[in-house]
Every structure is written in structure tokens, then in C-alpha cells.
Amino acid sequence: MTDEELLSLFENPETRRNAFSQLVRKYQQKVYWLVRKMVVDHDDANDITQDVFIKAWTALDNFRGDAKFYTWLYRIASNEAINFLNKKRKRFFISINDVESELSEKLEADPLISGDAIQLKLQKALLKLPEKQRLVFNLKYFEELPYEEISQITGTSVGALKASYHWASKKIEDYLNETD
């Protein structure tokens, strides 16, 4: 079923739960991996993914349909991931470099990362980026979303997104060249 059909079923109290369950099944993996690329840790990504769908459930009545459903959901997910990282940094009074170090260690120990040296280097390079640049890079490079949709997710202009992606790509390239 299309998102529009599922959202229509969501409006009916009798089919609401089933429609939402189908939306969760459809997007759970995508949301998980978007969040996972931001926070690295599997357990944190699982928790945040659950929070994303809880927020979506409570706010879906207010979804106006101005954007695509998955764009709206990705916005919730990206905000939750960034908020999590900010809270973690504040809670433990640690600098961005210490968070980056901790995430990098988790990345190396993670059995879900294939162990491919190039993939590991790319993931470490991504951790060097500020959260917003990392999000933009992930959405453009891995999710292959057009800038217009990324703009709706992040609330940033297309021009600023292009610049952010360019700088993120440059920083990643520099990091990869330095570590060779």
C-alpha cells in the first residue's frame, strides 16, 4: 500500500493501529539506519528509533501532508538523533572530540559493521563531521535524497545544503587522504 493509502486508513479509528503498524514495518529499517549513522551505537539507535515512532504516533493526526510521509518521519528521526547527541554531551560534560572518540571506539567494536577497512575509515571520517553536516551527508550520499527533500527534513535552504554537502565531502576526502 502507498503511504497515502495507509495515512487514509490511519484516519479511521477501526484501521488506525493496523495502518500505523504497516507504516512502522515499511520505515523501521530506514529510520534505524539513519539514526544509527548518527549515533553509531546499536542500542542507542534502537531506543531512538522507538522514540521516533512513538512521536510519529502521537503527532500523526497533525500531519498536514505538505511533505511526503517519510520526509516528515526522517525529520523527526534526525532531530531525535541530534538531540540525543547534544544531551549526551551535556549530561557527561564532554567535548565534541570526546563524543567523537567514544563513537569511534564503538564503531570499531561493532559486529554489525562489516569490518571492511574502507567502510570503517569512511565511518570514522563521518564522525569527524559536525552533526548537521553528517546528517546532510548521510541523507544525500547514503539515502540518495534530492536536496529539496533534505531541505524539508532539516529546515535548511537548498543552497546551504549544497555547501554543507560540499564541505562534508571535502573534509571526508581530506581525512581519508591523511590516514593513508
N, C-alpha and C. Protein backbone atom coordinates (compact mmCIF):
# COMPACT_ATOMS: atom_id res chain seq x y z
N MET A 1 0.84 -1.18 0.00
CA MET A 1 0.00 0.00 0.00
C MET A 1 0.89 1.25 0.00
N THR A 2 0.38 2.28 -0.60
CA THR A 2 1.12 3.55 -0.62
C THR A 2 0.99 4.23 0.73
N ASP A 3 1.86 5.19 0.96
CA ASP A 3 1.78 5.98 2.20
C ASP A 3 0.44 6.68 2.29
N GLU A 4 -0.02 7.22 1.17
CA GLU A 4 -1.29 7.95 1.16
C GLU A 4 -2.44 7.04 1.58
N GLU A 5 -2.43 5.80 1.07
CA GLU A 5 -3.48 4.84 1.43
C GLU A 5 -3.39 4.48 2.92
N LEU A 6 -2.19 4.29 3.40
CA LEU A 6 -2.02 3.96 4.82
C LEU A 6 -2.42 5.12 5.71
N LEU A 7 -2.09 6.34 5.29
CA LEU A 7 -2.47 7.52 6.08
C LEU A 7 -3.98 7.69 6.08
N SER A 8 -4.62 7.35 4.99
CA SER A 8 -6.08 7.41 4.92
C SER A 8 -6.69 6.39 5.88
N LEU A 9 -6.11 5.19 5.92
CA LEU A 9 -6.58 4.17 6.86
C LEU A 9 -6.33 4.58 8.31
N PHE A 10 -5.27 5.33 8.54
CA PHE A 10 -4.94 5.79 9.88
C PHE A 10 -6.04 6.72 10.43
N GLU A 11 -6.67 7.44 9.55
CA GLU A 11 -7.73 8.38 9.98
C GLU A 11 -8.96 7.66 10.52
N ASN A 12 -9.16 6.41 10.13
CA ASN A 12 -10.30 5.63 10.59
C ASN A 12 -9.91 4.92 11.90
N PRO A 13 -10.63 5.18 12.99
CA PRO A 13 -10.28 4.56 14.28
C PRO A 13 -10.22 3.03 14.23
N GLU A 14 -11.00 2.40 13.37
CA GLU A 14 -11.02 0.95 13.29
C GLU A 14 -9.78 0.37 12.60
N THR A 15 -9.15 1.14 11.73
CA THR A 15 -7.99 0.64 11.00
C THR A 15 -6.70 1.37 11.37
N ARG A 16 -6.80 2.25 12.34
CA ARG A 16 -5.68 3.09 12.75
C ARG A 16 -4.44 2.27 13.15
N ARG A 17 -4.60 1.35 14.06
CA ARG A 17 -3.45 0.57 14.56
C ARG A 17 -2.79 -0.25 13.45
N ASN A 18 -3.59 -0.88 12.64
CA ASN A 18 -3.06 -1.69 11.55
C ASN A 18 -2.31 -0.81 10.54
N ALA A 19 -2.87 0.33 10.22
CA ALA A 19 -2.22 1.24 9.26
C ALA A 19 -0.88 1.71 9.82
N PHE A 20 -0.85 2.07 11.10
CA PHE A 20 0.40 2.53 11.68
C PHE A 20 1.43 1.39 11.75
N SER A 21 0.97 0.19 12.08
CA SER A 21 1.88 -0.96 12.10
C SER A 21 2.52 -1.17 10.74
N GLN A 22 1.76 -0.99 9.69
CA GLN A 22 2.30 -1.14 8.34
C GLN A 22 3.31 -0.04 8.03
N LEU A 23 3.03 1.18 8.48
CA LEU A 23 3.99 2.28 8.28
C LEU A 23 5.29 1.99 9.04
N VAL A 24 5.17 1.47 10.24
CA VAL A 24 6.36 1.13 11.03
C VAL A 24 7.17 0.06 10.30
N ARG A 25 6.49 -1.00 9.85
CA ARG A 25 7.21 -2.07 9.13
C ARG A 25 7.89 -1.53 7.88
N LYS A 26 7.23 -0.61 7.21
CA LYS A 26 7.77 -0.06 5.97
C LYS A 26 9.01 0.80 6.21
N TYR A 27 9.04 1.55 7.32
CA TYR A 27 10.10 2.54 7.53
C TYR A 27 11.05 2.26 8.68
N GLN A 28 10.80 1.23 9.45
CA GLN A 28 11.61 0.99 10.65
C GLN A 28 13.09 0.82 10.32
N GLN A 29 13.43 0.02 9.33
CA GLN A 29 14.83 -0.19 8.97
C GLN A 29 15.49 1.10 8.49
N LYS A 30 14.79 1.84 7.65
CA LYS A 30 15.36 3.08 7.12
C LYS A 30 15.61 4.09 8.23
N VAL A 31 14.65 4.22 9.14
CA VAL A 31 14.82 5.15 10.26
C VAL A 31 15.96 4.68 11.16
N TYR A 32 15.99 3.38 11.43
CA TYR A 32 17.06 2.84 12.27
C TYR A 32 18.43 3.18 11.69
N TRP A 33 18.62 2.94 10.40
CA TRP A 33 19.95 3.17 9.81
C TRP A 33 20.28 4.65 9.70
N LEU A 34 19.30 5.49 9.49
CA LEU A 34 19.55 6.93 9.50
C LEU A 34 20.06 7.34 10.88
N VAL A 35 19.37 6.89 11.91
CA VAL A 35 19.76 7.21 13.28
C VAL A 35 21.09 6.55 13.62
N ARG A 36 21.26 5.32 13.22
CA ARG A 36 22.48 4.57 13.54
C ARG A 36 23.72 5.25 12.97
N LYS A 37 23.59 5.82 11.78
CA LYS A 37 24.74 6.51 11.18
C LYS A 37 25.09 7.77 11.96
N MET A 38 24.15 8.27 12.71
CA MET A 38 24.41 9.47 13.51
C MET A 38 24.96 9.11 14.89
N VAL A 39 24.36 8.12 15.56
CA VAL A 39 24.73 7.84 16.95
C VAL A 39 25.64 6.63 17.10
N VAL A 40 25.81 5.85 16.06
CA VAL A 40 26.70 4.69 15.96
C VAL A 40 26.25 3.50 16.80
N ASP A 41 25.96 3.68 18.06
CA ASP A 41 25.64 2.57 18.95
C ASP A 41 24.30 1.94 18.62
N HIS A 42 24.30 0.61 18.51
CA HIS A 42 23.09 -0.16 18.15
C HIS A 42 21.95 0.07 19.15
N ASP A 43 22.27 -0.06 20.45
CA ASP A 43 21.23 0.08 21.47
C ASP A 43 20.64 1.49 21.47
N ASP A 44 21.50 2.49 21.35
CA ASP A 44 21.01 3.87 21.30
C ASP A 44 20.13 4.07 20.07
N ALA A 45 20.56 3.53 18.94
CA ALA A 45 19.79 3.67 17.70
C ALA A 45 18.43 2.98 17.83
N ASN A 46 18.40 1.82 18.47
CA ASN A 46 17.12 1.14 18.69
C ASN A 46 16.19 1.99 19.55
N ASP A 47 16.73 2.52 20.65
CA ASP A 47 15.91 3.34 21.55
C ASP A 47 15.38 4.58 20.84
N ILE A 48 16.24 5.23 20.10
CA ILE A 48 15.84 6.44 19.39
C ILE A 48 14.80 6.11 18.32
N THR A 49 14.98 5.00 17.63
CA THR A 49 14.01 4.58 16.61
C THR A 49 12.64 4.37 17.24
N GLN A 50 12.60 3.73 18.40
CA GLN A 50 11.33 3.56 19.10
C GLN A 50 10.73 4.92 19.45
N ASP A 51 11.56 5.83 19.95
CA ASP A 51 11.08 7.17 20.29
C ASP A 51 10.52 7.89 19.07
N VAL A 52 11.17 7.70 17.93
CA VAL A 52 10.71 8.33 16.69
C VAL A 52 9.29 7.87 16.36
N PHE A 53 9.06 6.56 16.45
CA PHE A 53 7.73 6.05 16.10
C PHE A 53 6.68 6.39 17.15
N ILE A 54 7.09 6.52 18.40
CA ILE A 54 6.16 6.98 19.43
C ILE A 54 5.75 8.42 19.13
N LYS A 55 6.73 9.27 18.81
CA LYS A 55 6.42 10.66 18.45
C LYS A 55 5.55 10.72 17.21
N ALA A 56 5.87 9.88 16.22
CA ALA A 56 5.07 9.86 14.99
C ALA A 56 3.62 9.46 15.31
N TRP A 57 3.43 8.47 16.15
CA TRP A 57 2.09 8.01 16.53
C TRP A 57 1.29 9.14 17.17
N THR A 58 1.93 9.86 18.10
CA THR A 58 1.21 10.92 18.80
C THR A 58 0.99 12.16 17.94
N ALA A 59 1.82 12.36 16.93
CA ALA A 59 1.71 13.58 16.11
C ALA A 59 1.07 13.35 14.74
N LEU A 60 0.79 12.10 14.41
CA LEU A 60 0.32 11.81 13.06
C LEU A 60 -1.02 12.46 12.73
N ASP A 61 -1.85 12.68 13.73
CA ASP A 61 -3.12 13.39 13.49
C ASP A 61 -2.87 14.80 12.97
N ASN A 62 -1.72 15.38 13.32
CA ASN A 62 -1.40 16.75 12.89
C ASN A 62 -0.60 16.79 11.59
N PHE A 63 -0.29 15.62 11.02
CA PHE A 63 0.46 15.58 9.76
C PHE A 63 -0.43 16.18 8.67
N ARG A 64 0.08 17.27 8.05
CA ARG A 64 -0.72 18.01 7.07
C ARG A 64 -0.55 17.49 5.65
N GLY A 65 0.45 16.72 5.42
CA GLY A 65 0.67 16.21 4.08
C GLY A 65 1.38 17.19 3.17
N ASP A 66 1.96 18.28 3.74
CA ASP A 66 2.73 19.24 2.93
C ASP A 66 3.95 18.57 2.33
N ALA A 67 4.52 17.63 3.06
CA ALA A 67 5.70 16.88 2.61
C ALA A 67 5.30 15.41 2.52
N LYS A 68 6.18 14.62 1.97
CA LYS A 68 5.94 13.18 1.95
C LYS A 68 6.04 12.65 3.36
N PHE A 69 5.35 11.56 3.63
CA PHE A 69 5.36 10.99 4.98
C PHE A 69 6.78 10.66 5.43
N TYR A 70 7.57 10.00 4.57
CA TYR A 70 8.90 9.60 5.01
C TYR A 70 9.79 10.82 5.27
N THR A 71 9.56 11.92 4.55
CA THR A 71 10.32 13.14 4.79
C THR A 71 10.00 13.66 6.19
N TRP A 72 8.73 13.66 6.53
CA TRP A 72 8.27 14.08 7.86
C TRP A 72 8.88 13.17 8.93
N LEU A 73 8.87 11.87 8.68
CA LEU A 73 9.41 10.90 9.62
C LEU A 73 10.93 11.05 9.77
N TYR A 74 11.61 11.28 8.67
CA TYR A 74 13.07 11.50 8.71
C TYR A 74 13.41 12.77 9.50
N ARG A 75 12.55 13.76 9.41
CA ARG A 75 12.80 14.98 10.17
C ARG A 75 12.74 14.69 11.67
N ILE A 76 11.73 13.93 12.05
CA ILE A 76 11.62 13.54 13.46
C ILE A 76 12.87 12.74 13.87
N ALA A 77 13.26 11.79 13.02
CA ALA A 77 14.42 10.93 13.33
C ALA A 77 15.71 11.73 13.43
N SER A 78 15.92 12.64 12.49
CA SER A 78 17.17 13.42 12.52
C SER A 78 17.19 14.33 13.74
N ASN A 79 16.06 14.94 14.08
CA ASN A 79 16.01 15.79 15.27
C ASN A 79 16.27 14.97 16.54
N GLU A 80 15.68 13.78 16.61
CA GLU A 80 15.89 12.93 17.78
C GLU A 80 17.37 12.52 17.91
N ALA A 81 17.99 12.17 16.81
CA ALA A 81 19.40 11.77 16.84
C ALA A 81 20.29 12.92 17.29
N ILE A 82 20.07 14.10 16.72
CA ILE A 82 20.88 15.26 17.09
C ILE A 82 20.63 15.65 18.55
N ASN A 83 19.37 15.61 18.98
CA ASN A 83 19.06 15.91 20.38
C ASN A 83 19.73 14.91 21.32
N PHE A 84 19.74 13.65 20.94
CA PHE A 84 20.39 12.62 21.75
C PHE A 84 21.87 12.93 21.92
N LEU A 85 22.55 13.25 20.80
CA LEU A 85 23.98 13.55 20.87
C LEU A 85 24.25 14.79 21.71
N ASN A 86 23.40 15.80 21.58
CA ASN A 86 23.58 17.02 22.38
C ASN A 86 23.37 16.73 23.87
N LYS A 87 22.33 15.95 24.20
CA LYS A 87 22.07 15.60 25.61
C LYS A 87 23.22 14.78 26.19
N LYS A 88 23.74 13.87 25.40
CA LYS A 88 24.85 13.03 25.85
C LYS A 88 26.06 13.89 26.18
N ARG A 89 26.34 14.83 25.31
CA ARG A 89 27.48 15.72 25.51
C ARG A 89 27.27 16.56 26.77
N LYS A 90 26.09 17.09 26.96
CA LYS A 90 25.81 17.95 28.12
C LYS A 90 25.76 17.14 29.41
N ARG A 91 25.15 15.95 29.34
CA ARG A 91 24.99 15.12 30.54
C ARG A 91 26.33 14.72 31.13
N PHE A 92 27.27 14.41 30.27
CA PHE A 92 28.57 13.95 30.75
C PHE A 92 29.62 15.05 30.69
N PHE A 93 29.20 16.26 30.36
CA PHE A 93 30.11 17.40 30.28
C PHE A 93 31.34 17.06 29.45
N ILE A 94 31.11 16.50 28.29
CA ILE A 94 32.23 16.12 27.43
C ILE A 94 32.23 16.94 26.16
N SER A 95 33.40 17.10 25.60
CA SER A 95 33.53 17.90 24.38
C SER A 95 33.12 17.08 23.17
N ILE A 96 32.93 17.74 22.07
CA ILE A 96 32.57 17.07 20.82
C ILE A 96 33.65 16.07 20.43
N ASN A 97 34.93 16.38 20.71
CA ASN A 97 36.02 15.46 20.37
C ASN A 97 35.94 14.17 21.20
N ASP A 98 35.52 14.28 22.47
CA ASP A 98 35.38 13.10 23.30
C ASP A 98 34.21 12.23 22.85
N VAL A 99 33.11 12.86 22.43
CA VAL A 99 31.98 12.11 21.90
C VAL A 99 32.42 11.39 20.63
N GLU A 100 33.15 12.10 19.78
CA GLU A 100 33.67 11.53 18.54
C GLU A 100 34.56 10.32 18.84
N SER A 101 35.41 10.44 19.85
CA SER A 101 36.31 9.35 20.24
C SER A 101 35.52 8.14 20.72
N GLU A 102 34.54 8.39 21.57
CA GLU A 102 33.71 7.31 22.11
C GLU A 102 32.97 6.59 20.98
N LEU A 103 32.38 7.37 20.07
CA LEU A 103 31.65 6.76 18.95
C LEU A 103 32.60 5.98 18.05
N SER A 104 33.78 6.48 17.86
CA SER A 104 34.77 5.80 17.03
C SER A 104 35.15 4.45 17.64
N GLU A 105 35.32 4.40 18.95
CA GLU A 105 35.63 3.14 19.63
C GLU A 105 34.49 2.15 19.49
N LYS A 106 33.26 2.64 19.64
CA LYS A 106 32.10 1.76 19.48
C LYS A 106 32.02 1.24 18.05
N LEU A 107 32.35 2.08 17.11
CA LEU A 107 32.32 1.70 15.70
C LEU A 107 33.28 0.55 15.44
N GLU A 108 34.47 0.62 15.99
CA GLU A 108 35.47 -0.43 15.78
C GLU A 108 35.06 -1.75 16.42
N ALA A 109 34.34 -1.67 17.54
CA ALA A 109 33.95 -2.88 18.26
C ALA A 109 32.62 -3.45 17.78
N ASP A 110 31.93 -2.77 16.90
CA ASP A 110 30.58 -3.14 16.49
C ASP A 110 30.59 -4.32 15.51
N PRO A 111 29.93 -5.42 15.87
CA PRO A 111 29.89 -6.58 14.98
C PRO A 111 29.02 -6.35 13.74
N LEU A 112 28.15 -5.36 13.75
CA LEU A 112 27.29 -5.09 12.60
C LEU A 112 27.99 -4.31 11.50
N ILE A 113 29.14 -3.73 11.82
CA ILE A 113 29.95 -3.08 10.78
C ILE A 113 30.81 -4.18 10.18
N SER A 114 30.81 -4.27 8.90
CA SER A 114 31.39 -5.43 8.21
C SER A 114 32.87 -5.64 8.47
N GLY A 115 33.58 -4.66 8.95
CA GLY A 115 34.99 -4.82 9.19
C GLY A 115 35.83 -4.44 7.98
N ASP A 116 35.19 -4.16 6.88
CA ASP A 116 35.87 -3.71 5.68
C ASP A 116 36.64 -2.44 6.05
N ALA A 117 37.93 -2.43 5.81
CA ALA A 117 38.78 -1.31 6.23
C ALA A 117 38.33 0.02 5.61
N ILE A 118 37.93 -0.01 4.37
CA ILE A 118 37.49 1.23 3.71
C ILE A 118 36.20 1.74 4.33
N GLN A 119 35.26 0.82 4.60
CA GLN A 119 34.00 1.22 5.22
C GLN A 119 34.25 1.80 6.61
N LEU A 120 35.13 1.17 7.36
CA LEU A 120 35.45 1.65 8.71
C LEU A 120 36.08 3.05 8.65
N LYS A 121 36.98 3.26 7.69
CA LYS A 121 37.60 4.58 7.53
C LYS A 121 36.57 5.63 7.18
N LEU A 122 35.63 5.29 6.30
CA LEU A 122 34.58 6.24 5.92
C LEU A 122 33.72 6.58 7.14
N GLN A 123 33.35 5.57 7.91
CA GLN A 123 32.53 5.82 9.09
C GLN A 123 33.28 6.69 10.11
N LYS A 124 34.57 6.45 10.28
CA LYS A 124 35.37 7.29 11.19
C LYS A 124 35.45 8.73 10.66
N ALA A 125 35.58 8.87 9.34
CA ALA A 125 35.61 10.21 8.75
C ALA A 125 34.29 10.92 8.99
N LEU A 126 33.19 10.20 8.89
CA LEU A 126 31.88 10.81 9.15
C LEU A 126 31.76 11.31 10.58
N LEU A 127 32.38 10.59 11.51
CA LEU A 127 32.32 11.01 12.91
C LEU A 127 33.07 12.31 13.15
N LYS A 128 33.97 12.68 12.25
CA LYS A 128 34.71 13.93 12.39
C LYS A 128 33.85 15.14 12.01
N LEU A 129 32.74 14.88 11.31
CA LEU A 129 31.89 15.99 10.86
C LEU A 129 30.98 16.48 11.98
N PRO A 130 30.64 17.76 11.96
CA PRO A 130 29.60 18.25 12.87
C PRO A 130 28.29 17.50 12.57
N GLU A 131 27.42 17.37 13.58
CA GLU A 131 26.20 16.57 13.42
C GLU A 131 25.38 16.96 12.20
N LYS A 132 25.20 18.25 11.98
CA LYS A 132 24.36 18.68 10.86
C LYS A 132 24.99 18.29 9.51
N GLN A 133 26.31 18.46 9.38
CA GLN A 133 26.97 18.06 8.14
C GLN A 133 26.90 16.54 7.96
N ARG A 134 27.03 15.80 9.05
CA ARG A 134 26.94 14.34 8.97
C ARG A 134 25.56 13.92 8.51
N LEU A 135 24.54 14.59 9.05
CA LEU A 135 23.17 14.29 8.65
C LEU A 135 22.97 14.57 7.16
N VAL A 136 23.39 15.74 6.71
CA VAL A 136 23.24 16.11 5.30
C VAL A 136 23.98 15.12 4.41
N PHE A 137 25.20 14.77 4.79
CA PHE A 137 25.98 13.82 4.00
C PHE A 137 25.26 12.47 3.94
N ASN A 138 24.78 11.98 5.08
CA ASN A 138 24.09 10.69 5.12
C ASN A 138 22.84 10.69 4.25
N LEU A 139 22.06 11.76 4.33
CA LEU A 139 20.82 11.83 3.55
C LEU A 139 21.10 11.92 2.05
N LYS A 140 22.13 12.64 1.69
CA LYS A 140 22.44 12.82 0.26
C LYS A 140 23.20 11.60 -0.28
N TYR A 141 24.22 11.18 0.41
CA TYR A 141 25.10 10.12 -0.11
C TYR A 141 24.48 8.72 0.05
N PHE A 142 24.05 8.40 1.26
CA PHE A 142 23.55 7.05 1.52
C PHE A 142 22.08 6.89 1.15
N GLU A 143 21.25 7.87 1.51
CA GLU A 143 19.81 7.77 1.23
C GLU A 143 19.47 8.24 -0.17
N GLU A 144 20.40 8.94 -0.80
CA GLU A 144 20.24 9.46 -2.17
C GLU A 144 19.00 10.34 -2.32
N LEU A 145 18.74 11.13 -1.29
CA LEU A 145 17.60 12.04 -1.35
C LEU A 145 17.97 13.31 -2.10
N PRO A 146 17.04 13.88 -2.84
CA PRO A 146 17.32 15.16 -3.50
C PRO A 146 17.40 16.28 -2.46
N TYR A 147 18.11 17.34 -2.82
CA TYR A 147 18.29 18.46 -1.89
C TYR A 147 16.95 19.04 -1.42
N GLU A 148 15.95 19.04 -2.29
CA GLU A 148 14.65 19.61 -1.92
C GLU A 148 14.04 18.85 -0.75
N GLU A 149 14.16 17.52 -0.76
CA GLU A 149 13.62 16.73 0.35
C GLU A 149 14.47 16.88 1.60
N ILE A 150 15.78 16.95 1.43
CA ILE A 150 16.66 17.17 2.58
C ILE A 150 16.33 18.52 3.21
N SER A 151 16.00 19.49 2.38
CA SER A 151 15.62 20.82 2.86
C SER A 151 14.39 20.73 3.76
N GLN A 152 13.42 19.92 3.35
CA GLN A 152 12.21 19.75 4.16
C GLN A 152 12.52 19.04 5.47
N ILE A 153 13.44 18.10 5.43
CA ILE A 153 13.80 17.35 6.63
C ILE A 153 14.56 18.23 7.62
N THR A 154 15.50 19.00 7.11
CA THR A 154 16.39 19.77 8.00
C THR A 154 15.94 21.21 8.24
N GLY A 155 15.03 21.70 7.40
CA GLY A 155 14.62 23.10 7.52
C GLY A 155 15.72 24.05 7.08
N THR A 156 16.57 23.61 6.17
CA THR A 156 17.70 24.39 5.67
C THR A 156 17.52 24.64 4.19
N SER A 157 17.98 25.78 3.70
CA SER A 157 17.83 26.09 2.28
C SER A 157 18.66 25.14 1.43
N VAL A 158 18.22 24.96 0.19
CA VAL A 158 18.92 24.08 -0.74
C VAL A 158 20.36 24.55 -0.95
N GLY A 159 20.56 25.85 -1.10
CA GLY A 159 21.90 26.39 -1.29
C GLY A 159 22.82 26.07 -0.12
N ALA A 160 22.30 26.23 1.09
CA ALA A 160 23.10 25.92 2.28
C ALA A 160 23.40 24.43 2.37
N LEU A 161 22.45 23.60 1.95
CA LEU A 161 22.66 22.16 1.95
C LEU A 161 23.76 21.75 0.97
N LYS A 162 23.74 22.37 -0.20
CA LYS A 162 24.77 22.07 -1.20
C LYS A 162 26.15 22.43 -0.67
N ALA A 163 26.23 23.58 -0.02
CA ALA A 163 27.51 24.00 0.56
C ALA A 163 27.92 23.04 1.68
N SER A 164 26.97 22.66 2.51
CA SER A 164 27.26 21.75 3.62
C SER A 164 27.73 20.40 3.10
N TYR A 165 27.08 19.90 2.07
CA TYR A 165 27.48 18.61 1.48
C TYR A 165 28.87 18.71 0.86
N HIS A 166 29.12 19.83 0.18
CA HIS A 166 30.44 20.04 -0.42
C HIS A 166 31.53 20.03 0.65
N TRP A 167 31.32 20.77 1.74
CA TRP A 167 32.32 20.84 2.80
C TRP A 167 32.47 19.50 3.51
N ALA A 168 31.36 18.80 3.69
CA ALA A 168 31.43 17.47 4.31
C ALA A 168 32.25 16.53 3.43
N SER A 169 31.99 16.55 2.13
CA SER A 169 32.73 15.69 1.20
C SER A 169 34.22 16.03 1.23
N LYS A 170 34.53 17.32 1.27
CA LYS A 170 35.92 17.77 1.30
C LYS A 170 36.62 17.30 2.58
N LYS A 171 35.94 17.44 3.71
CA LYS A 171 36.52 17.00 4.99
C LYS A 171 36.74 15.50 5.01
N ILE A 172 35.79 14.75 4.46
CA ILE A 172 35.94 13.30 4.40
C ILE A 172 37.12 12.92 3.51
N GLU A 173 37.20 13.57 2.36
CA GLU A 173 38.31 13.32 1.44
C GLU A 173 39.65 13.63 2.11
N ASP A 174 39.73 14.77 2.79
CA ASP A 174 40.96 15.14 3.50
C ASP A 174 41.32 14.10 4.56
N TYR A 175 40.34 13.67 5.32
CA TYR A 175 40.58 12.67 6.37
C TYR A 175 41.09 11.37 5.77
N LEU A 176 40.45 10.92 4.69
CA LEU A 176 40.85 9.67 4.05
C LEU A 176 42.26 9.77 3.49
N ASN A 177 42.62 10.93 2.94
CA ASN A 177 43.97 11.13 2.41
C ASN A 177 45.01 11.18 3.53
N GLU A 178 44.63 11.77 4.68
CA GLU A 178 45.55 11.87 5.81
C GLU A 178 45.85 10.51 6.42
N THR A 179 44.86 9.63 6.43
CA THR A 179 45.03 8.36 7.12
C THR A 179 45.62 7.27 6.23
N ASP A 180 45.92 7.59 4.98
CA ASP A 180 46.55 6.60 4.09
C ASP A 180 48.03 6.46 4.38
